[in-house]
């Protein structure tokens, strides 16, 4: 049964109630046209069946009509465009941030919602806007448009191609969401509207950050190419060591360099929009100091001498307020941030490395974390706010890797556990199917039925022979691996391990990669690459055993991001941790 009214206009204004075969009632009220999609917008609600369903449906229709009336006649006549304009004017934002926000609003919000009244905006309208932004960033008409190479009148050639829709980046949509949320929060405070519709809208989820810093080998190539120009090399080196932003580098003055204290004072930055540049606070408005290592201090002193000599040559003086990096002889003009970016990009393109100067910031952070520096200290050097939360979220993978190395380092400092009883077979009483399979395979290995160095029978064959599933065989082989009888390698066959004393190893895992507890001592180790110290660590090993020393050096090379083939570039100085005296310098060949 359909309850309707006499004329169409009356039905559109008063809504309709439809009785469904199940006894439920469907209420629909016309809500106008969606300003984003241009489609008819209705408010719908279903009332479950029951003896009072018809009366409840009438109440629902009345409530929906009241919502429509409130949207058509909001408390304020202000439009979304007026709200956003006032919001951006009254927000205390930086010049670049304001320019970015206005660009997003003008291009993606005002064409759809600008003329709508503030009180008429509902969550579903905002979600329609986000759906449109995720469809096409140019908001095409779906009629086979053309992407022209220039907006000026021209004759189209191969550079003018058929339009292909590309969604707006999720990060940009999230920025739009924060702009609208802030604007409508102000509207609530100003009593323009009663509630903020953005609280019921979810923006696109944020993708986890994936920083890709250059590897140690790539960083070495970049520095080698940069040092062909000493001034440029100093800038790249300082970026790697301190992780400064490019604007902070350009704003650095000699008064910010404290040579006696060995620190760098970061308090200003250079902002840029097009050809316009200005000096401003740092991004997070922090005033921070960074401790410099002796090598960086030495390079900065040499750089100051070069700058002073150039100033004297043209008859001017280099004072403390001069910029550290400048093309002017007296250091009176700072570098342009975009010019720094372009020069770095051209240099890395010649080297065949796909990276950017901002990735050097990631390089500094990951090297600090890999060296065991705590997150708060890393966040302080980088100028991250929120007490290290941003740092932890961005560099989670490196923190996890550093934590794993810390666990290994802690194990080398723990008191030695009691040695296993030699010559004694540790028997178990197998009760489960996988234990019975493990004991049978162990006995076959001890009796030389399964030859050392060769694979064990296929898992499917073992499962068929014992009438069990393949997963049960996997558990049996894992137990056999714990006992030390086989080597399990992912993606390859399981190999029978060569045992020194099979009778002593039965049931007790023997790790032959560990050094003998009688000869191993705690060592201080310094790793150098091409004469530069790259790592310091402690490990327990036998300093007279070349194989153990090579293993330590190979581990250090791999932690630096190099392959074992680059081991010839490294050397390792080994000393007693307790005595404080050097034992030897170890160099390994690539063969």
Protein backbone atom coordinates (compact mmCIF):
# COMPACT_ATOMS: atom_id res chain seq x y z
CA UNK A 1 0.00 0.00 0.00
CA UNK A 2 1.31 3.42 -0.94
CA UNK A 3 0.22 6.40 1.08
CA UNK A 4 0.65 9.47 -1.16
CA UNK A 5 -0.92 12.86 -1.77
CA UNK A 6 -2.91 14.32 -4.57
CA UNK A 7 -0.34 16.34 -6.53
CA UNK A 8 3.33 15.79 -7.24
CA UNK A 9 4.51 19.06 -5.70
CA UNK A 10 2.65 18.25 -2.49
CA UNK A 11 4.18 14.76 -2.44
CA UNK A 12 7.65 16.20 -2.95
CA UNK A 13 7.19 18.68 -0.13
CA UNK A 14 5.48 16.30 2.32
CA UNK A 15 7.19 13.00 1.48
CA UNK A 16 5.76 9.51 1.07
CA UNK A 17 5.09 6.41 3.20
CA UNK A 18 5.16 3.00 1.50
CA UNK A 19 3.97 -0.21 3.13
CA UNK A 20 6.14 -3.20 2.24
CA UNK A 21 4.94 -6.83 1.88
CA UNK A 22 6.67 -7.68 5.17
CA UNK A 23 4.49 -5.24 7.05
CA UNK A 24 7.24 -2.65 7.48
CA UNK A 25 6.90 0.94 6.31
CA UNK A 26 9.43 2.82 4.18
CA UNK A 27 9.47 6.59 4.66
CA UNK A 28 11.03 8.85 2.01
CA UNK A 29 11.30 12.64 2.05
CA UNK A 30 12.73 14.69 -0.81
CA UNK A 31 15.86 16.55 0.32
CA UNK A 32 16.82 18.50 -2.77
CA UNK A 33 19.76 17.98 -5.14
CA UNK A 34 23.22 16.93 -4.02
CA UNK A 35 25.51 19.94 -4.81
CA UNK A 36 28.42 17.65 -5.67
CA UNK A 37 26.91 14.87 -7.81
CA UNK A 38 23.83 16.76 -9.06
CA UNK A 39 21.64 13.78 -8.19
CA UNK A 40 18.33 13.79 -6.32
CA UNK A 41 18.86 13.53 -2.59
CA UNK A 42 16.23 11.79 -0.42
CA UNK A 43 16.08 11.05 3.29
CA UNK A 44 14.97 7.45 3.82
CA UNK A 45 14.10 5.45 6.90
CA UNK A 46 12.37 2.07 7.42
CA UNK A 47 9.98 1.38 10.30
CA UNK A 48 9.83 -2.31 11.37
CA UNK A 49 6.44 -4.09 11.28
CA UNK A 50 4.19 -4.00 14.33
CA UNK A 51 0.75 -2.95 15.55
CA UNK A 52 1.85 0.70 15.81
CA UNK A 53 4.05 0.74 12.69
CA UNK A 54 1.79 3.09 10.71
CA UNK A 55 1.73 5.64 13.54
CA UNK A 56 5.54 5.40 13.98
CA UNK A 57 6.01 5.88 10.21
CA UNK A 58 4.03 9.13 10.42
CA UNK A 59 6.27 10.31 13.27
CA UNK A 60 9.37 9.49 11.24
CA UNK A 61 8.01 11.44 8.26
CA UNK A 62 7.37 14.45 10.48
CA UNK A 63 10.88 14.28 11.92
CA UNK A 64 12.51 14.02 8.47
CA UNK A 65 10.43 16.94 7.19
CA UNK A 66 11.67 18.97 10.16
CA UNK A 67 15.27 18.15 9.21
CA UNK A 68 14.63 19.26 5.65
CA UNK A 69 13.06 22.52 6.83
CA UNK A 70 16.09 23.19 9.03
CA UNK A 71 18.42 22.66 6.05
CA UNK A 72 16.33 24.90 3.78
CA UNK A 73 16.07 27.62 6.40
CA UNK A 74 19.29 27.45 8.47
CA UNK A 75 20.05 29.84 11.29
CA UNK A 76 22.51 31.79 9.17
CA UNK A 77 22.51 32.90 5.56
CA UNK A 78 26.32 32.72 5.37
CA UNK A 79 27.71 30.47 2.66
CA UNK A 80 30.53 27.95 2.91
CA UNK A 81 32.74 30.28 0.85
CA UNK A 82 32.23 33.09 3.38
CA UNK A 83 32.92 30.74 6.31
CA UNK A 84 36.16 29.41 4.80
CA UNK A 85 37.38 32.88 3.87
CA UNK A 86 36.88 34.19 7.40
CA UNK A 87 38.32 30.99 8.92
CA UNK A 88 41.56 31.23 6.92
CA UNK A 89 41.92 34.93 7.69
CA UNK A 90 41.55 34.43 11.44
CA UNK A 91 43.69 31.30 11.66
CA UNK A 92 47.26 31.96 12.71
CA UNK A 93 48.95 29.98 9.94
CA UNK A 94 52.27 30.39 8.18
CA UNK A 95 52.42 32.01 4.76
CA UNK A 96 53.11 28.74 2.94
CA UNK A 97 50.42 26.86 4.87
CA UNK A 98 47.84 29.57 4.16
CA UNK A 99 48.73 29.56 0.45
CA UNK A 100 48.43 25.74 0.32
CA UNK A 101 45.09 25.73 2.13
CA UNK A 102 43.63 28.46 -0.09
CA UNK A 103 44.73 26.54 -3.18
CA UNK A 104 42.96 23.38 -1.98
CA UNK A 105 39.82 25.30 -1.04
CA UNK A 106 39.62 27.28 -4.30
CA UNK A 107 40.19 24.24 -6.52
CA UNK A 108 38.39 21.41 -4.73
CA UNK A 109 35.82 22.82 -2.28
CA UNK A 110 34.33 26.09 -3.52
CA UNK A 111 33.29 24.79 -6.99
CA UNK A 112 30.97 22.30 -5.24
CA UNK A 113 30.05 23.75 -1.84
CA UNK A 114 30.98 27.44 -2.05
CA UNK A 115 27.44 28.74 -2.67
CA UNK A 116 25.76 26.37 -0.22
CA UNK A 117 24.57 27.76 3.09
CA UNK A 118 26.61 26.68 6.08
CA UNK A 119 23.56 25.23 7.84
CA UNK A 120 22.61 23.06 4.86
CA UNK A 121 25.82 21.00 4.86
CA UNK A 122 25.26 17.43 6.05
CA UNK A 123 27.77 14.56 6.48
CA UNK A 124 26.54 12.77 3.33
CA UNK A 125 27.26 15.90 1.24
CA UNK A 126 30.85 16.05 2.51
CA UNK A 127 31.29 12.33 1.84
CA UNK A 128 30.04 12.92 -1.74
CA UNK A 129 32.73 15.58 -2.09
CA UNK A 130 35.43 13.18 -0.90
CA UNK A 131 34.17 10.52 -3.33
CA UNK A 132 34.45 13.01 -6.19
CA UNK A 133 38.01 13.94 -5.17
CA UNK A 134 38.94 10.26 -5.09
CA UNK A 135 37.52 9.85 -8.60
CA UNK A 136 39.34 12.65 -10.44
CA UNK A 137 41.50 15.49 -9.18
CA UNK A 138 40.50 17.64 -12.19
CA UNK A 139 36.75 16.98 -11.70
CA UNK A 140 36.28 16.04 -15.36
CA UNK A 141 32.86 15.78 -16.95
CA UNK A 142 33.37 12.11 -18.02
CA UNK A 143 32.95 13.14 -21.67
CA UNK A 144 36.37 12.30 -23.05
CA UNK A 145 38.15 15.53 -22.16
CA UNK A 146 41.68 16.37 -23.32
CA UNK A 147 44.63 17.26 -21.13
CA UNK A 148 46.23 20.18 -22.96
CA UNK A 149 49.91 21.02 -22.49
CA UNK A 150 49.07 24.69 -21.85
CA UNK A 151 45.91 26.73 -21.06
CA UNK A 152 46.84 29.24 -23.80
CA UNK A 153 45.38 29.03 -27.32
CA UNK A 154 47.48 26.54 -29.30
CA UNK A 155 47.48 23.82 -31.94
CA UNK A 156 47.32 20.42 -30.24
CA UNK A 157 50.15 17.95 -30.87
CA UNK A 158 51.34 14.70 -29.26
CA UNK A 159 51.79 16.52 -25.93
CA UNK A 160 48.02 17.01 -25.69
CA UNK A 161 46.62 13.64 -24.70
CA UNK A 162 43.22 12.18 -23.86
CA UNK A 163 42.34 12.84 -20.24
CA UNK A 164 42.89 10.05 -17.72
CA UNK A 165 41.29 10.43 -14.31
CA UNK A 166 43.71 10.46 -11.41
CA UNK A 167 42.46 10.63 -7.81
CA UNK A 168 43.55 13.38 -5.49
CA UNK A 169 46.14 12.13 -3.01
CA UNK A 170 44.74 10.86 0.28
CA UNK A 171 46.99 13.28 2.17
CA UNK A 172 45.45 16.23 0.27
CA UNK A 173 41.92 15.02 1.01
CA UNK A 174 42.89 14.75 4.67
CA UNK A 175 44.13 18.35 4.56
CA UNK A 176 40.78 19.42 3.10
CA UNK A 177 39.06 17.53 5.91
CA UNK A 178 41.07 19.38 8.57
CA UNK A 179 40.31 22.73 6.89
CA UNK A 180 36.57 22.03 6.84
CA UNK A 181 36.63 20.63 10.39
CA UNK A 182 38.33 23.74 11.75
CA UNK A 183 35.99 26.06 9.84
CA UNK A 184 32.83 24.34 11.06
CA UNK A 185 34.15 24.22 14.64
CA UNK A 186 34.42 28.00 14.44
CA UNK A 187 30.89 28.15 13.02
CA UNK A 188 29.63 26.27 16.09
CA UNK A 189 31.46 28.68 18.42
CA UNK A 190 30.02 31.63 16.51
CA UNK A 191 26.53 30.05 16.87
CA UNK A 192 26.06 29.93 13.13
CA UNK A 193 25.13 26.24 13.40
CA UNK A 194 24.26 23.93 16.27
CA UNK A 195 26.45 20.94 15.41
CA UNK A 196 29.57 20.28 13.37
CA UNK A 197 28.70 17.86 10.50
CA UNK A 198 32.41 17.01 9.99
CA UNK A 199 32.48 15.07 13.27
CA UNK A 200 30.46 12.33 11.54
CA UNK A 201 32.68 12.19 8.43
CA UNK A 202 35.77 9.99 8.19
CA UNK A 203 38.58 11.16 5.90
CA UNK A 204 40.66 8.63 3.91
CA UNK A 205 43.00 6.66 6.14
CA UNK A 206 46.60 7.79 6.30
CA UNK A 207 49.11 5.49 4.64
CA UNK A 208 51.97 4.41 6.90
CA UNK A 209 55.08 6.50 6.21
CA UNK A 210 57.74 4.72 4.17
CA UNK A 211 60.95 6.75 4.26
CA UNK A 212 63.56 5.56 1.78
CA UNK A 213 66.91 7.04 2.80
CA UNK A 214 69.93 6.47 0.56
CA UNK A 215 72.01 3.44 1.41
CA UNK A 216 75.52 3.79 2.83
CA UNK A 217 76.99 3.13 -0.62
CA UNK A 218 74.72 5.75 -2.23
CA UNK A 219 75.53 8.26 0.52
CA UNK A 220 79.25 7.75 -0.13
CA UNK A 221 78.74 8.40 -3.86
CA UNK A 222 76.70 11.53 -3.16
CA UNK A 223 79.33 12.96 -0.81
CA UNK A 224 82.15 12.13 -3.21
CA UNK A 225 80.39 14.02 -6.01
CA UNK A 226 79.43 16.94 -3.74
CA UNK A 227 82.95 17.53 -2.43
CA UNK A 228 84.13 18.51 -5.93
CA UNK A 229 82.75 21.91 -4.85
CA UNK A 230 83.87 22.43 -1.19
CA UNK A 231 80.99 24.78 -0.34
CA UNK A 232 78.40 22.44 -1.82
CA UNK A 233 80.05 19.45 -0.17
CA UNK A 234 79.87 21.22 3.21
CA UNK A 235 76.13 21.80 2.76
CA UNK A 236 75.44 18.15 1.83
CA UNK A 237 77.67 16.88 4.65
CA UNK A 238 75.92 19.09 7.24
CA UNK A 239 72.53 17.89 6.01
CA UNK A 240 73.58 14.26 6.43
CA UNK A 241 75.03 14.81 9.90
CA UNK A 242 72.31 17.02 11.40
CA UNK A 243 69.19 16.16 9.38
CA UNK A 244 68.24 19.82 8.98
CA UNK A 245 65.47 20.92 6.66
CA UNK A 246 66.57 22.79 3.54
CA UNK A 247 65.03 26.07 4.75
CA UNK A 248 66.93 25.80 8.05
CA UNK A 249 70.19 25.25 6.15
CA UNK A 250 69.61 28.32 4.01
CA UNK A 251 68.86 30.48 7.10
CA UNK A 252 71.96 29.34 9.02
CA UNK A 253 74.26 32.22 10.06
CA UNK A 254 77.77 32.12 11.50
CA UNK A 255 76.41 33.48 14.80
CA UNK A 256 74.47 30.21 15.09
CA UNK A 257 77.68 28.12 15.02
CA UNK A 258 79.22 27.77 18.50
CA UNK A 259 82.69 26.36 17.81
CA UNK A 260 83.94 26.38 21.46
CA UNK A 261 80.75 24.67 22.62
CA UNK A 262 80.57 22.37 19.61
CA UNK A 263 76.89 23.11 18.95
CA UNK A 264 74.65 24.42 16.20
CA UNK A 265 71.80 26.78 17.14
CA UNK A 266 68.73 26.37 14.90
CA UNK A 267 66.11 29.09 15.29
CA UNK A 268 65.26 30.43 11.80
CA UNK A 269 64.23 29.12 8.40
CA UNK A 270 63.76 30.46 4.87
CA UNK A 271 60.27 30.22 3.42
CA UNK A 272 59.58 30.32 -0.31
CA UNK A 273 56.53 30.66 -2.54
CA UNK A 274 57.41 31.06 -6.18
CA UNK A 275 60.08 33.74 -6.48
CA UNK A 276 59.20 35.24 -3.10
CA UNK A 277 61.37 34.29 -0.11
CA UNK A 278 61.33 35.41 3.52
CA UNK A 279 62.94 34.56 6.85
CA UNK A 280 60.67 32.92 9.44
CA UNK A 281 60.56 30.57 12.42
CA UNK A 282 61.33 26.89 12.01
CA UNK A 283 58.52 24.60 10.91
CA UNK A 284 57.61 23.54 14.47
CA UNK A 285 58.56 26.98 15.93
CA UNK A 286 61.27 25.28 17.99
CA UNK A 287 64.53 26.86 19.09
CA UNK A 288 66.90 23.90 19.32
CA UNK A 289 70.61 23.20 19.64
CA UNK A 290 72.44 20.29 18.02
CA UNK A 291 75.77 18.93 19.21
CA UNK A 292 78.32 18.55 16.40
CA UNK A 293 81.04 15.93 16.14
CA UNK A 294 84.71 17.04 15.95
CA UNK A 295 85.01 16.21 12.23
CA UNK A 296 82.02 18.40 11.33
CA UNK A 297 83.39 21.24 13.47
CA UNK A 298 86.72 21.00 11.67
CA UNK A 299 84.98 21.17 8.28
CA UNK A 300 82.92 24.18 9.36
CA UNK A 301 86.06 26.01 10.53
CA UNK A 302 87.70 25.36 7.14
CA UNK A 303 84.53 26.54 5.38
CA UNK A 304 84.57 29.78 7.40
CA UNK A 305 88.20 30.39 6.39
CA UNK A 306 87.29 29.96 2.70
CA UNK A 307 84.37 32.39 3.05
CA UNK A 308 86.57 34.94 4.85
CA UNK A 309 89.27 34.72 2.15
CA UNK A 310 86.70 35.37 -0.58
CA UNK A 311 85.35 38.37 1.34
CA UNK A 312 88.85 39.85 1.79
CA UNK A 313 89.60 39.34 -1.91
CA UNK A 314 86.77 41.75 -2.85
CA UNK A 315 87.49 44.18 -0.03
CA UNK A 316 84.64 43.32 2.36
CA UNK A 317 84.47 41.72 5.80
CA UNK A 318 82.66 38.55 6.81
CA UNK A 319 80.81 39.24 10.06
CA UNK A 320 78.95 36.86 12.39
CA UNK A 321 75.55 37.70 10.88
CA UNK A 322 76.65 36.49 7.45
CA UNK A 323 74.93 33.38 6.10
CA UNK A 324 76.95 30.16 6.32
CA UNK A 325 75.89 29.21 2.78
CA UNK A 326 75.71 32.16 0.40
CA UNK A 327 76.65 33.10 -3.14
CA UNK A 328 77.49 36.66 -2.06
CA UNK A 329 81.16 37.27 -1.09
CA UNK A 330 80.12 38.95 2.16
CA UNK A 331 77.47 36.29 2.93
CA UNK A 332 74.69 38.87 2.93
CA UNK A 333 72.24 36.80 0.84
CA UNK A 334 70.91 33.38 1.72
CA UNK A 335 70.54 30.51 -0.73
CA UNK A 336 67.15 29.89 -2.38
CA UNK A 337 65.61 26.63 -1.05
CA UNK A 338 64.27 25.57 -4.47
CA UNK A 339 67.71 26.16 -6.01
CA UNK A 340 69.28 23.85 -3.42
CA UNK A 341 66.71 21.18 -4.25
CA UNK A 342 67.27 21.51 -8.00
CA UNK A 343 71.06 21.30 -7.71
CA UNK A 344 70.85 18.22 -5.51
CA UNK A 345 68.38 16.55 -7.87
CA UNK A 346 70.57 17.16 -10.91
CA UNK A 347 73.63 15.79 -9.07
CA UNK A 348 71.88 12.57 -8.00
CA UNK A 349 70.40 12.11 -11.47
CA UNK A 350 73.92 12.18 -12.92
CA UNK A 351 74.88 9.53 -10.37
CA UNK A 352 71.88 7.37 -11.27
CA UNK A 353 70.41 7.60 -7.75
CA UNK A 354 66.68 8.22 -7.35
CA UNK A 355 66.42 10.36 -4.22
CA UNK A 356 65.87 13.91 -2.95
CA UNK A 357 67.63 16.20 -0.50
CA UNK A 358 64.86 15.58 2.06
CA UNK A 359 65.89 11.89 2.05
CA UNK A 360 69.18 12.97 3.70
CA UNK A 361 67.04 13.90 6.69
CA UNK A 362 65.78 10.31 6.74
CA UNK A 363 69.35 9.09 6.37
CA UNK A 364 70.45 11.01 9.47
CA UNK A 365 67.50 9.70 11.51
CA UNK A 366 67.94 6.06 10.53
CA UNK A 367 71.69 6.14 11.19
CA UNK A 368 71.08 7.57 14.67
CA UNK A 369 68.47 4.92 15.44
CA UNK A 370 70.73 2.16 14.07
CA UNK A 371 73.51 3.43 16.36
CA UNK A 372 71.24 2.93 19.38
CA UNK A 373 70.31 6.58 20.05
CA UNK A 374 67.00 6.88 21.92
CA UNK A 375 63.92 8.18 20.10
CA UNK A 376 63.57 11.39 22.16
CA UNK A 377 67.12 12.44 21.28
CA UNK A 378 66.55 11.69 17.59
CA UNK A 379 63.29 13.68 17.66
CA UNK A 380 65.08 16.61 19.32
CA UNK A 381 67.81 16.71 16.67
CA UNK A 382 65.28 16.52 13.83
CA UNK A 383 62.95 19.11 15.35
CA UNK A 384 59.98 16.77 15.57
CA UNK A 385 57.22 17.77 17.98
CA UNK A 386 54.94 15.60 20.15
CA UNK A 387 57.78 14.15 22.22
CA UNK A 388 58.98 11.66 19.61
CA UNK A 389 55.60 10.31 18.45
CA UNK A 390 56.20 11.48 14.87
CA UNK A 391 59.70 10.01 14.89
CA UNK A 392 58.49 6.66 16.20
CA UNK A 393 55.65 6.49 13.66
CA UNK A 394 57.91 7.40 10.73
CA UNK A 395 60.87 5.16 11.54
CA UNK A 396 59.09 2.14 13.04
CA UNK A 397 60.97 -0.34 10.84
CA UNK A 398 64.37 0.99 11.90
CA UNK A 399 63.36 1.05 15.57
CA UNK A 400 62.31 -2.60 15.32
CA UNK A 401 65.59 -3.55 13.66
CA UNK A 402 67.56 -1.62 16.28
CA UNK A 403 65.60 -3.39 19.02
CA UNK A 404 66.52 -6.77 17.57
CA UNK A 405 70.21 -5.83 17.57
CA UNK A 406 69.87 -4.60 21.13
CA UNK A 407 68.52 -8.00 22.15
CA UNK A 408 71.52 -9.69 20.54
CA UNK A 409 73.94 -7.26 22.22
CA UNK A 410 72.28 -7.92 25.59
CA UNK A 411 72.69 -11.66 25.10
CA UNK A 412 76.47 -11.22 24.68
CA UNK A 413 76.62 -9.42 28.04
CA UNK A 414 74.61 -12.01 29.98
CA UNK A 415 76.45 -14.46 32.29
CA UNK A 416 77.31 -17.69 30.52
CA UNK A 417 74.65 -20.41 31.00
CA UNK A 418 75.71 -23.81 32.35
CA UNK A 419 77.19 -25.97 29.56
CA UNK A 420 75.27 -29.07 28.44
CA UNK A 421 76.34 -32.41 29.91
CA UNK A 422 78.74 -33.94 27.38
CA UNK A 423 78.31 -37.56 26.37
CA UNK A 424 74.78 -37.83 27.76
CA UNK A 425 71.80 -38.56 25.52
CA UNK A 426 68.71 -36.58 26.53
CA UNK A 427 65.85 -38.95 25.88
CA UNK A 428 62.21 -37.96 25.68
CA UNK A 429 59.12 -40.07 26.03
CA UNK A 430 57.20 -39.36 22.80
CA UNK A 431 53.47 -39.08 23.36
CA UNK A 432 52.22 -37.01 20.42
CA UNK A 433 52.47 -37.99 16.73
CA UNK A 434 54.93 -35.23 15.89
CA UNK A 435 57.23 -36.24 18.77
CA UNK A 436 57.19 -39.85 17.59
CA UNK A 437 58.18 -38.75 14.06
CA UNK A 438 60.96 -36.53 15.44
CA UNK A 439 62.42 -39.38 17.56
CA UNK A 440 62.29 -41.78 14.62
CA UNK A 441 64.10 -39.32 12.33
CA UNK A 442 66.66 -38.64 15.10
CA UNK A 443 67.40 -42.37 15.44
CA UNK A 444 67.78 -42.72 11.67
CA UNK A 445 70.30 -39.86 11.67
CA UNK A 446 72.26 -41.36 14.59
CA UNK A 447 72.33 -44.72 12.82
CA UNK A 448 73.59 -43.04 9.60
CA UNK A 449 70.47 -44.08 7.68
CA UNK A 450 70.04 -40.39 6.84
CA UNK A 451 73.39 -39.05 5.62
CA UNK A 452 74.73 -35.70 6.84
CA UNK A 453 74.63 -32.99 4.20
CA UNK A 454 71.73 -34.59 2.29
CA UNK A 455 68.03 -33.71 2.56
CA UNK A 456 65.56 -35.68 4.63
CA UNK A 457 62.64 -37.42 2.84
CA UNK A 458 59.95 -35.08 1.46
CA UNK A 459 57.36 -33.91 3.97
CA UNK A 460 54.47 -35.33 1.94
CA UNK A 461 56.14 -38.76 1.87
CA UNK A 462 56.72 -38.68 5.64
CA UNK A 463 53.10 -37.63 6.21
CA UNK A 464 51.89 -40.51 4.02
CA UNK A 465 54.16 -43.05 5.75
CA UNK A 466 52.98 -42.07 9.24
CA UNK A 467 49.35 -41.36 8.36
CA UNK A 468 49.43 -37.74 9.55
CA UNK A 469 49.02 -34.31 8.01
CA UNK A 470 51.88 -32.31 6.47
CA UNK A 471 51.58 -29.73 9.26
CA UNK A 472 52.33 -32.47 11.83
CA UNK A 473 55.52 -33.33 9.91
CA UNK A 474 56.45 -29.63 9.96
CA UNK A 475 56.17 -29.63 13.77
CA UNK A 476 58.32 -32.76 13.96
CA UNK A 477 61.04 -31.26 11.78
CA UNK A 478 60.94 -28.03 13.81
CA UNK A 479 61.55 -30.07 16.98
CA UNK A 480 64.39 -31.89 15.20
CA UNK A 481 65.87 -28.54 14.27
CA UNK A 482 65.71 -27.43 17.92
CA UNK A 483 67.67 -30.56 18.86
CA UNK A 484 70.34 -29.64 16.32
CA UNK A 485 69.99 -32.56 13.88
CA UNK A 486 68.78 -30.65 10.79
CA UNK A 487 69.05 -27.22 9.20
CA UNK A 488 65.70 -25.76 8.16
CA UNK A 489 65.91 -23.18 5.35
CA UNK A 490 62.85 -21.36 4.08
CA UNK A 491 62.11 -22.25 0.46
CA UNK A 492 64.71 -25.07 0.34
CA UNK A 493 64.96 -28.71 1.40
CA UNK A 494 65.72 -29.54 5.05
CA UNK A 495 69.33 -30.82 5.30
CA UNK A 496 70.77 -33.26 7.84
CA UNK A 497 73.35 -31.42 9.95
CA UNK A 498 76.89 -32.72 10.40
CA UNK A 499 77.32 -33.61 14.07
CA UNK A 500 80.61 -33.51 15.92
CA UNK A 501 79.51 -36.04 18.55
CA UNK A 502 76.14 -37.56 17.63
CA UNK A 503 75.73 -39.28 20.98
CA UNK A 504 76.16 -36.01 22.84
CA UNK A 505 73.92 -34.06 20.48
CA UNK A 506 70.89 -36.32 20.66
CA UNK A 507 68.16 -34.13 22.02
CA UNK A 508 70.44 -31.15 22.83
CA UNK A 509 70.82 -28.31 20.33
CA UNK A 510 74.43 -27.48 19.47
CA UNK A 511 75.11 -24.03 18.02
CA UNK A 512 78.52 -24.21 16.39
CA UNK A 513 78.34 -20.58 15.26
CA UNK A 514 78.97 -19.43 18.83
CA UNK A 515 82.58 -19.04 19.97
CA UNK A 516 84.06 -21.35 22.54
CA UNK A 517 83.34 -20.08 26.05
CA UNK A 518 86.95 -20.80 27.03
CA UNK A 519 88.52 -18.52 24.35
CA UNK A 520 85.82 -15.83 23.92
CA UNK A 521 86.31 -12.44 25.59
CA UNK A 522 84.39 -9.18 25.48
CA UNK A 523 85.93 -6.99 22.76
CA UNK A 524 85.77 -3.29 21.90
CA UNK A 525 85.40 -3.07 18.11
CA UNK A 526 85.78 -0.02 15.86
CA UNK A 527 84.65 -0.34 12.22
CA UNK A 528 86.23 1.99 9.64
CA UNK A 529 85.31 2.43 5.99
CA UNK A 530 87.93 4.02 3.76
CA UNK A 531 89.59 5.45 6.86
CA UNK A 532 86.40 6.93 8.37
CA UNK A 533 84.90 5.52 11.57
CA UNK A 534 81.39 4.31 10.80
CA UNK A 535 80.49 2.17 13.84
CA UNK A 536 81.57 1.29 17.38
CA UNK A 537 80.34 -1.82 19.14
CA UNK A 538 81.14 -4.56 21.67
CA UNK A 539 80.92 -8.28 21.06
CA UNK A 540 82.11 -11.51 22.64
CA UNK A 541 84.50 -13.49 20.40
CA UNK A 542 87.90 -15.17 20.19
CA UNK A 543 90.34 -12.48 18.94
CA UNK A 544 92.79 -15.15 17.73
CA UNK A 545 90.22 -16.83 15.48
CA UNK A 546 90.18 -15.19 11.99
CA UNK A 547 86.87 -16.84 11.10
CA UNK A 548 85.12 -15.23 14.05
CA UNK A 549 86.66 -11.84 13.31
CA UNK A 550 85.57 -12.09 9.68
CA UNK A 551 82.04 -13.01 10.81
CA UNK A 552 81.91 -9.88 12.99
CA UNK A 553 83.17 -7.69 10.15
CA UNK A 554 80.67 -9.18 7.66
CA UNK A 555 77.81 -8.48 10.11
CA UNK A 556 78.97 -4.86 10.46
CA UNK A 557 79.19 -4.43 6.66
CA UNK A 558 75.66 -5.76 6.20
CA UNK A 559 74.29 -3.48 8.92
CA UNK A 560 75.75 -0.56 6.98
CA UNK A 561 73.67 -1.62 3.96
CA UNK A 562 76.61 -2.97 1.88
CA UNK A 563 77.06 -6.39 0.38
CA UNK A 564 79.79 -8.74 1.53
CA UNK A 565 81.64 -7.96 -1.70
CA UNK A 566 82.43 -4.48 -0.28
CA UNK A 567 84.27 -5.93 2.72
CA UNK A 568 87.60 -4.88 1.20
CA UNK A 569 86.70 -1.21 1.92
CA UNK A 570 86.40 -1.94 5.65
CA UNK A 571 88.82 -2.58 8.49
CA UNK A 572 88.18 -3.53 12.10
CA UNK A 573 90.21 -2.50 15.15
CA UNK A 574 89.87 -5.02 17.99
CA UNK A 575 90.71 -4.35 21.65
CA UNK A 576 90.09 -5.82 25.12
CA UNK A 577 86.96 -4.27 26.65
CA UNK A 578 88.20 -4.87 30.20
CA UNK A 579 91.88 -3.99 29.75
CA UNK A 580 91.38 -1.06 27.40
CA UNK A 581 94.24 -2.13 25.15
CA UNK A 582 94.28 -2.79 21.40
CA UNK A 583 94.78 -6.39 20.24
CA UNK A 584 94.82 -6.22 16.44
CA UNK A 585 93.52 -4.56 13.29
CA UNK A 586 91.66 -7.00 11.08
CA UNK A 587 91.27 -6.59 7.31
CA UNK A 588 89.45 -9.20 5.20
CA UNK A 589 89.75 -9.92 1.51
CA UNK A 590 86.72 -10.04 -0.77
CA UNK A 591 87.41 -13.66 -1.73
